[in-house]
Amino acid sequence: MTRVTELPDAEHLLSGNRACAGCGIGTGLRAITKALDGRMVLVNPASCLTVLGGMYPISSLDVPWVNVAFPSTAASAAGVRAGLRALGRDGEMTVLAMAGDGGTADIGIQALSGAAERNDDFIYVCYDNEAYMNTGTQRSGSTPAGARTTTTMAGKRENPKDVPAIMEAHGVPYVASTSAAFPTDVYDKVVRAREMSGLRYIHMNTPCPSGWSFDPKDSISIGKLAVDAGVVVLYEIVDGVFRLTGRSKSLAKAGLQVPVAEYVAGQGRFKTLGEAELAGVQRWVEERWSAYVARDAAGQR
């Protein structure tokens, strides 16, 4: 596993961007652009990432950038790849589609499913801040149970949609789950994806201070708590073979270190979460975690 001190020195995400203080997207994107050596075309729909990047002709990224309609990210990325191929330049750069959970799990899932069925040749990263943050913090399919949003004022009742599992069901060559709080895990997975062909899907949890209601200085610690509680799990699936990675791999031996109650305690979005609902979330986390650990063990045999 790459160490922080071993990450490339070149910076492709520049200072002075319009992201909110403590935004997890920038932390993750910095690792992603390093993993791709800046040799990429970024395809992005309406989202927080559009705000971070800036408006034409000013951008905080030094890579080519294509803004597209909300539901069309994967279709547009497939078109960019086809265009590069037609020009004989497809070997020069990676096409990276990057959208939020709303643009992936909900509005954009039809285009993503089509691209996955065709096994189009690009990397798709969902940065999951667990709601429609850029439009007022409405619930999405990735919003966790109990979280308060502007459309679930008493707390969402449903557990989040498992988009990586949906992508795995399409039979794509690479699926991964990671967190911006662990940038070297993000980096390693994008490097691996870069070396493969076909559609590669990476789901990256990105803590959001404004939408989750916590102090911006705590973004990394909140992200790490999510992994230690088993709410977010670090893993990858290569040609159908599953393995836990990084911190989650260590936790498979040591056990989960944090109860869900400790993870949610520092976030205002869970202030309406009752004891019964919290217990239900804890059960869901433990059942899912046990399945992941068992699958990891089976893959090592």
Protein backbone atom coordinates (compact mmCIF):
# COMPACT_ATOMS: atom_id res chain seq x y z
CA MET A 1 0.00 0.00 0.00
CA THR A 2 1.30 3.45 -0.92
CA ARG A 3 2.32 5.75 1.94
CA VAL A 4 1.40 9.42 2.03
CA THR A 5 5.08 10.35 1.67
CA GLU A 6 5.21 8.29 -1.53
CA LEU A 7 2.43 10.15 -3.34
CA PRO A 8 3.57 12.10 -6.43
CA ASP A 9 4.57 15.71 -5.76
CA ALA A 10 2.74 17.17 -8.76
CA GLU A 11 -0.50 18.95 -7.86
CA HIS A 12 -3.37 19.12 -10.35
CA LEU A 13 -6.00 20.50 -7.97
CA LEU A 14 -4.95 24.07 -7.41
CA SER A 15 -5.54 26.37 -4.45
CA GLY A 16 -8.31 28.94 -4.39
CA ASN A 17 -11.21 26.69 -5.35
CA ARG A 18 -14.85 27.31 -4.40
CA ALA A 19 -15.39 24.20 -2.28
CA CYS A 20 -16.85 24.50 1.22
CA ALA A 21 -14.34 24.40 4.06
CA GLY A 22 -13.54 20.81 4.96
CA CYS A 23 -15.10 19.35 1.79
CA GLY A 24 -14.08 15.71 1.35
CA ILE A 25 -14.34 15.90 -2.44
CA GLY A 26 -11.19 17.96 -2.79
CA THR A 27 -9.18 15.55 -0.64
CA GLY A 28 -10.28 12.61 -2.74
CA LEU A 29 -9.88 14.41 -6.07
CA ARG A 30 -6.35 15.43 -5.18
CA ALA A 31 -5.42 11.74 -4.77
CA ILE A 32 -7.30 10.77 -7.93
CA THR A 33 -5.52 13.32 -10.14
CA LYS A 34 -2.17 12.25 -8.72
CA ALA A 35 -2.98 8.61 -9.52
CA LEU A 36 -3.75 9.57 -13.12
CA ASP A 37 -0.67 11.82 -13.41
CA GLY A 38 -2.98 14.60 -14.61
CA ARG A 39 -3.32 12.73 -17.93
CA MET A 40 -7.10 12.66 -18.00
CA VAL A 41 -10.33 14.16 -19.26
CA LEU A 42 -12.83 14.77 -16.46
CA VAL A 43 -16.54 14.43 -17.26
CA ASN A 44 -18.79 15.91 -14.59
CA PRO A 45 -22.51 16.74 -14.25
CA ALA A 46 -24.20 19.42 -12.17
CA SER A 47 -22.85 18.80 -8.68
CA CYS A 48 -20.65 20.07 -5.86
CA LEU A 49 -17.66 19.11 -7.99
CA THR A 50 -18.75 21.61 -10.63
CA VAL A 51 -18.65 24.30 -7.95
CA LEU A 52 -15.24 23.14 -6.74
CA GLY A 53 -13.80 23.26 -10.24
CA GLY A 54 -15.06 26.76 -10.94
CA MET A 55 -16.77 28.44 -13.85
CA TYR A 56 -15.32 29.05 -17.30
CA PRO A 57 -12.77 30.47 -17.98
CA ILE A 58 -11.43 30.00 -14.43
CA SER A 59 -10.83 26.52 -13.02
CA SER A 60 -9.00 25.11 -10.02
CA LEU A 61 -8.01 22.01 -12.03
CA ASP A 62 -5.28 21.89 -14.65
CA VAL A 63 -6.88 19.05 -16.61
CA PRO A 64 -9.45 19.07 -19.47
CA TRP A 65 -12.95 19.28 -18.03
CA VAL A 66 -16.35 18.61 -19.64
CA ASN A 67 -19.55 19.73 -17.89
CA VAL A 68 -22.58 17.65 -18.89
CA ALA A 69 -26.26 17.29 -18.05
CA PHE A 70 -27.19 15.70 -14.73
CA PRO A 71 -28.34 12.27 -16.02
CA SER A 72 -25.75 11.82 -18.77
CA THR A 73 -22.34 11.49 -17.09
CA ALA A 74 -21.59 7.89 -18.10
CA ALA A 75 -23.03 8.31 -21.61
CA SER A 76 -20.97 11.46 -22.13
CA ALA A 77 -17.81 9.75 -20.86
CA ALA A 78 -18.41 6.93 -23.34
CA GLY A 79 -18.70 9.57 -26.06
CA VAL A 80 -15.46 11.27 -25.01
CA ARG A 81 -13.67 7.92 -25.10
CA ALA A 82 -15.08 7.20 -28.58
CA GLY A 83 -13.97 10.64 -29.74
CA LEU A 84 -10.42 10.10 -28.50
CA ARG A 85 -10.36 6.71 -30.20
CA ALA A 86 -11.53 8.22 -33.48
CA LEU A 87 -8.72 10.78 -33.26
CA GLY A 88 -6.16 8.07 -32.51
CA ARG A 89 -5.50 9.62 -29.08
CA ASP A 90 -7.21 7.15 -26.76
CA GLY A 91 -3.86 5.95 -25.39
CA GLU A 92 -2.84 9.44 -24.29
CA MET A 93 -5.19 9.93 -21.37
CA THR A 94 -7.76 8.33 -19.08
CA VAL A 95 -11.39 9.33 -19.27
CA LEU A 96 -12.68 9.90 -15.76
CA ALA A 97 -16.40 10.28 -15.12
CA MET A 98 -17.04 11.69 -11.67
CA ALA A 99 -20.47 12.39 -10.20
CA GLY A 100 -22.14 12.66 -6.81
CA ASP A 101 -24.46 10.11 -5.28
CA GLY A 102 -27.52 11.84 -6.69
CA GLY A 103 -26.02 11.85 -10.18
CA THR A 104 -25.00 8.21 -9.77
CA ALA A 105 -27.40 6.26 -7.57
CA ASP A 106 -30.51 8.12 -8.75
CA ILE A 107 -30.56 10.48 -11.72
CA GLY A 108 -27.57 9.00 -13.55
CA ILE A 109 -28.02 5.29 -12.92
CA GLN A 110 -29.64 4.59 -16.30
CA ALA A 111 -26.64 5.93 -18.25
CA LEU A 112 -24.22 4.21 -15.86
CA SER A 113 -26.03 0.88 -16.21
CA GLY A 114 -25.94 1.17 -19.99
CA ALA A 115 -22.22 1.95 -20.00
CA ALA A 116 -21.58 -0.97 -17.64
CA GLU A 117 -23.58 -3.35 -19.83
CA ARG A 118 -21.45 -2.27 -22.81
CA ASN A 119 -18.29 -2.34 -20.67
CA ASP A 120 -17.28 1.07 -21.99
CA ASP A 121 -13.65 1.94 -21.37
CA PHE A 122 -13.47 4.61 -18.67
CA ILE A 123 -13.23 5.04 -14.89
CA TYR A 124 -16.37 6.14 -13.06
CA VAL A 125 -16.00 7.60 -9.56
CA CYS A 126 -19.05 8.30 -7.43
CA TYR A 127 -18.16 10.76 -4.70
CA ASP A 128 -20.78 9.94 -2.10
CA ASN A 129 -21.60 12.78 0.30
CA GLU A 130 -24.91 11.03 1.00
CA ALA A 131 -27.40 13.64 -0.23
CA TYR A 132 -27.99 16.25 -2.94
CA MET A 133 -25.68 18.77 -1.28
CA ASN A 134 -25.37 21.26 -4.13
CA THR A 135 -29.13 21.82 -4.38
CA GLY A 136 -30.11 22.08 -0.72
CA THR A 137 -29.32 18.76 1.03
CA GLN A 138 -32.23 16.66 -0.23
CA ARG A 139 -32.16 12.90 0.44
CA SER A 140 -30.67 10.60 -2.19
CA GLY A 141 -30.59 6.84 -2.60
CA SER A 142 -27.27 6.93 -0.73
CA THR A 143 -28.54 8.85 2.30
CA PRO A 144 -28.20 6.60 5.39
CA ALA A 145 -31.09 5.58 7.57
CA GLY A 146 -31.83 8.12 10.30
CA ALA A 147 -30.16 11.04 8.53
CA ARG A 148 -32.08 14.30 8.56
CA THR A 149 -32.24 16.16 5.23
CA THR A 150 -34.47 18.92 3.90
CA THR A 151 -36.79 16.24 2.49
CA THR A 152 -36.54 13.85 5.46
CA MET A 153 -36.93 16.20 8.38
CA ALA A 154 -37.65 13.37 10.83
CA GLY A 155 -34.83 11.21 9.48
CA LYS A 156 -34.69 8.92 6.46
CA ARG A 157 -36.32 5.53 7.04
CA GLU A 158 -34.43 3.43 4.48
CA ASN A 159 -30.86 2.12 4.42
CA PRO A 160 -28.69 3.40 1.54
CA LYS A 161 -28.69 1.83 -1.89
CA ASP A 162 -25.69 -0.49 -2.47
CA VAL A 163 -24.45 0.93 -5.77
CA PRO A 164 -21.15 -1.05 -5.81
CA ALA A 165 -23.20 -4.26 -5.59
CA ILE A 166 -25.35 -3.07 -8.49
CA MET A 167 -22.22 -2.42 -10.52
CA GLU A 168 -20.74 -5.79 -9.62
CA ALA A 169 -23.93 -7.43 -10.90
CA HIS A 170 -23.17 -5.91 -14.31
CA GLY A 171 -19.96 -7.98 -14.47
CA VAL A 172 -17.58 -5.05 -14.91
CA PRO A 173 -13.89 -5.87 -14.37
CA TYR A 174 -13.29 -3.59 -11.38
CA VAL A 175 -15.43 -2.33 -8.49
CA ALA A 176 -14.07 -0.64 -5.37
CA SER A 177 -15.26 1.15 -2.25
CA THR A 178 -13.04 3.75 -0.62
CA SER A 179 -13.05 6.93 1.46
CA ALA A 180 -11.54 10.36 0.95
CA ALA A 181 -10.38 10.13 4.58
CA PHE A 182 -7.88 7.49 3.38
CA PRO A 183 -6.26 9.19 0.36
CA THR A 184 -3.65 6.49 -0.17
CA ASP A 185 -6.43 3.89 -0.45
CA VAL A 186 -8.09 6.14 -3.05
CA TYR A 187 -4.77 6.56 -4.86
CA ASP A 188 -3.97 2.84 -4.98
CA LYS A 189 -7.41 1.95 -6.31
CA VAL A 190 -7.32 4.56 -9.06
CA VAL A 191 -3.82 3.40 -10.05
CA ARG A 192 -5.10 -0.16 -10.31
CA ALA A 193 -8.13 0.96 -12.28
CA ARG A 194 -5.94 3.00 -14.62
CA GLU A 195 -4.03 -0.13 -15.58
CA MET A 196 -7.20 -2.00 -16.58
CA SER A 197 -9.64 -1.56 -19.45
CA GLY A 198 -13.42 -1.63 -19.59
CA LEU A 199 -15.68 0.13 -17.14
CA ARG A 200 -14.11 0.52 -13.72
CA TYR A 201 -16.32 1.76 -10.88
CA ILE A 202 -15.06 3.35 -7.63
CA HIS A 203 -17.41 4.47 -4.84
CA MET A 204 -15.73 7.11 -2.65
CA ASN A 205 -17.28 8.29 0.61
CA THR A 206 -16.76 12.05 1.04
CA PRO A 207 -17.68 13.62 4.40
CA CYS A 208 -19.62 16.88 4.01
CA PRO A 209 -19.44 19.35 6.93
CA SER A 210 -22.34 21.51 5.74
CA GLY A 211 -24.71 18.67 4.87
CA TRP A 212 -23.78 16.38 7.78
CA SER A 213 -23.54 19.27 10.27
CA PHE A 214 -20.11 18.94 11.82
CA ASP A 215 -17.11 21.23 12.23
CA PRO A 216 -15.09 21.42 8.97
CA LYS A 217 -11.89 20.60 10.86
CA ASP A 218 -13.33 17.15 11.65
CA SER A 219 -13.82 15.91 8.08
CA ILE A 220 -11.00 13.39 8.16
CA SER A 221 -11.77 12.15 11.66
CA ILE A 222 -15.47 11.69 10.78
CA GLY A 223 -14.47 9.78 7.65
CA LYS A 224 -12.16 7.53 9.65
CA LEU A 225 -14.86 6.93 12.27
CA ALA A 226 -17.19 5.75 9.48
CA VAL A 227 -14.67 3.08 8.50
CA ASP A 228 -13.89 2.08 12.10
CA ALA A 229 -17.62 1.68 12.74
CA GLY A 230 -18.13 -0.39 9.59
CA VAL A 231 -20.51 2.15 8.09
CA VAL A 232 -18.05 2.58 5.21
CA VAL A 233 -16.00 -0.44 4.14
CA LEU A 234 -12.80 -0.33 2.08
CA TYR A 235 -12.67 -3.12 -0.49
CA GLU A 236 -12.12 -3.96 -4.13
CA ILE A 237 -13.47 -6.58 -6.50
CA VAL A 238 -11.19 -7.55 -9.39
CA ASP A 239 -12.79 -9.80 -12.00
CA GLY A 240 -15.21 -11.06 -9.37
CA VAL A 241 -12.63 -11.67 -6.62
CA PHE A 242 -13.38 -9.69 -3.43
CA ARG A 243 -10.84 -8.46 -0.89
CA LEU A 244 -10.88 -5.98 1.96
CA THR A 245 -8.21 -3.29 1.78
CA GLY A 246 -6.37 -0.89 4.06
CA ARG A 247 -7.98 -0.10 7.38
CA SER A 248 -10.91 -2.45 6.76
CA LYS A 249 -8.49 -5.33 6.19
CA SER A 250 -6.94 -4.62 9.58
CA LEU A 251 -10.38 -4.44 11.20
CA ALA A 252 -11.25 -7.87 9.82
CA LYS A 253 -8.64 -9.23 12.25
CA ALA A 254 -9.11 -6.80 15.15
CA GLY A 255 -12.87 -6.29 14.94
CA LEU A 256 -14.80 -3.05 14.46
CA GLN A 257 -13.42 -0.38 16.78
CA VAL A 258 -16.30 2.10 17.05
CA PRO A 259 -20.05 1.63 17.66
CA VAL A 260 -22.37 3.41 15.25
CA ALA A 261 -23.54 5.58 18.17
CA GLU A 262 -20.09 7.15 18.42
CA TYR A 263 -19.94 7.79 14.67
CA VAL A 264 -23.33 9.56 14.51
CA ALA A 265 -22.85 11.51 17.76
CA GLY A 266 -20.76 14.23 16.14
CA GLN A 267 -23.17 14.89 13.25
CA GLY A 268 -26.18 17.17 13.52
CA ARG A 269 -28.00 15.33 10.74
CA PHE A 270 -28.64 12.44 13.14
CA LYS A 271 -30.15 14.51 15.93
CA THR A 272 -33.60 12.95 15.42
CA LEU A 273 -32.25 9.38 15.46
CA GLY A 274 -33.93 7.47 18.29
CA GLU A 275 -32.55 4.50 20.23
CA ALA A 276 -34.64 1.95 18.35
CA GLU A 277 -33.59 3.36 14.97
CA LEU A 278 -29.95 3.49 16.08
CA ALA A 279 -30.10 -0.16 17.15
CA GLY A 280 -31.52 -1.02 13.73
CA VAL A 281 -28.66 0.74 11.96
CA GLN A 282 -26.14 -1.05 14.20
CA ARG A 283 -27.67 -4.42 13.27
CA TRP A 284 -27.57 -3.55 9.58
CA VAL A 285 -23.90 -2.54 9.85
CA GLU A 286 -22.93 -5.71 11.72
CA GLU A 287 -24.75 -8.04 9.33
CA ARG A 288 -23.22 -6.38 6.30
CA TRP A 289 -19.76 -6.31 7.90
CA SER A 290 -19.94 -10.03 8.73
CA ALA A 291 -20.80 -10.78 5.10
CA TYR A 292 -17.85 -8.73 3.89
CA VAL A 293 -15.42 -10.43 6.28
CA ALA A 294 -16.66 -13.87 5.27
CA ARG A 295 -16.34 -13.02 1.60
CA ASP A 296 -12.81 -11.69 2.12
CA ALA A 297 -11.82 -14.89 3.93
CA ALA A 298 -13.28 -17.02 1.15
CA GLY A 299 -11.32 -15.09 -1.44
CA GLN A 300 -8.04 -15.74 0.36
CA ARG A 301 -8.42 -19.51 0.26
